[in-house]
Amino acid sequence: MNSTTSTSTSSPATPRLTSLSHGGGCGCKIAPGVLSELLAKSNLPKQFFPDLLVGTETADDAAVYKINDEQAIVATTDFFMPIVDDPYDFGRIAATNALSDIYAMGGTPLMALAIVGMPINVLPHDVIAKILEGGESVCRDAGIPLAGGHSIDSVEPIYGLVGIGIVNPKQMKRNADAKDGDVLILGKPLGVGILSAALKKNLLDDAGYRAMVDATTKLNRPGAELAKLEGVHALTDVTGFGLLGHGLELARGAQLSARFESAKLPVLPGVQALAEQGIFTGASGRNWASYGEHIQLASAVTDAQKALLTDPQTSGGLLVSCAADAVQQVLKVFADSGFGDAAVIGRMEAGSPKVFVD
């Protein structure tokens, strides 16, 4: 795809959105190792609030605060720089990604607030308006109001949401409650970061661009239904730290090992070929540098597969840890919601909190 096909609203003088940012999508995340170091050095005092059901302890997807025995508030925020050049698509992707954390807790969104940082004298105002329209369209699709927000004039374009949702505390799913013998199921195919890297290099065709946008703008609605299944023990979504990074969070939370089967990973069209050409994001390497010592790859795992496993996913799929007898129920929930690529990709097993890849 060339630089003009993905930015239909821009004039020739309008810069590509991706040219204005040093990173894009969830690849903008601070590397997990650096983030851990920053949090360790912050010396924030431990605070105890009995109704705070989920806080910062297990690097979960959102905070959860209990209101009563039947209701808890789910709160999250997520924002980033452009992963695509089309402003409407950028807004849609960022909003979908932000709401995913509510679904990953088993919750249902209630409303959202916009986070907007734009180089106001660099981007035409109609381009910025398209970004906002894209975000609002996703909120409308999720059945919630975009009820306000905050904006600043910034050097790089930034967009995202604060998401507020609700969940029954008895059905809430953390990322730390996987059990020995659980089966791991991934709801969306991998490869968003690799496709975004190809886009920046003008190597992504229209079909690849469409596949990337379709995946990243599909709301993870199944999370709310999956949370009602007794056999589902843990949920998270795969985003900037890649499958290995978020798998490692599952393992650490449960004090178990996670094992993935590389041959079973669902992959977006064209991604494998791009990875074999050495096309991937810088965040992939930063991810591996942060947690690679806790990962054991089989000798048969290729460099291209390693790049896919560490690939930062923007608005990625739900990663479900469920009992073996709940697998068909989980796959049916995904299929009924249009997630036909959902696949069994591994299991949880007794052992030190590491990730193994066969």
Foldseek 3Di string as FASTA:
>chain_A
DDQDPQAVPDDPLADFQVVQDPDAFLLPDDAPQVVVVVVVVVPDDDDDDPQFPDDPPLVWLFTWGDPDQFKIKTKWKFKTGHLGRHLLLRLLLQLLLGCQSQLQQLWQWAEKEKEWEEQPVRHPPVSVVSSVVSNQVLCVVSVYYRPYYDYYHDSHTMIHIITMTMGNPVLTATLQFFDAQWFKKWLAAFQLQLLSLCVVVVNHDPVSVVLSSVQSNQHQNLSNVVSVDPFWHHKHFAFAQFQQVSQLSSCVSHQWEWEFELVFGGHTPPRLVSLVVVRGDPSLVSSCVNCVVQEAEDPPQDSSSSSRRRGGHRNGTMMITGHPVCVVVSQVSSVVSPRPRMTGTTHIHHDGSGYYYD
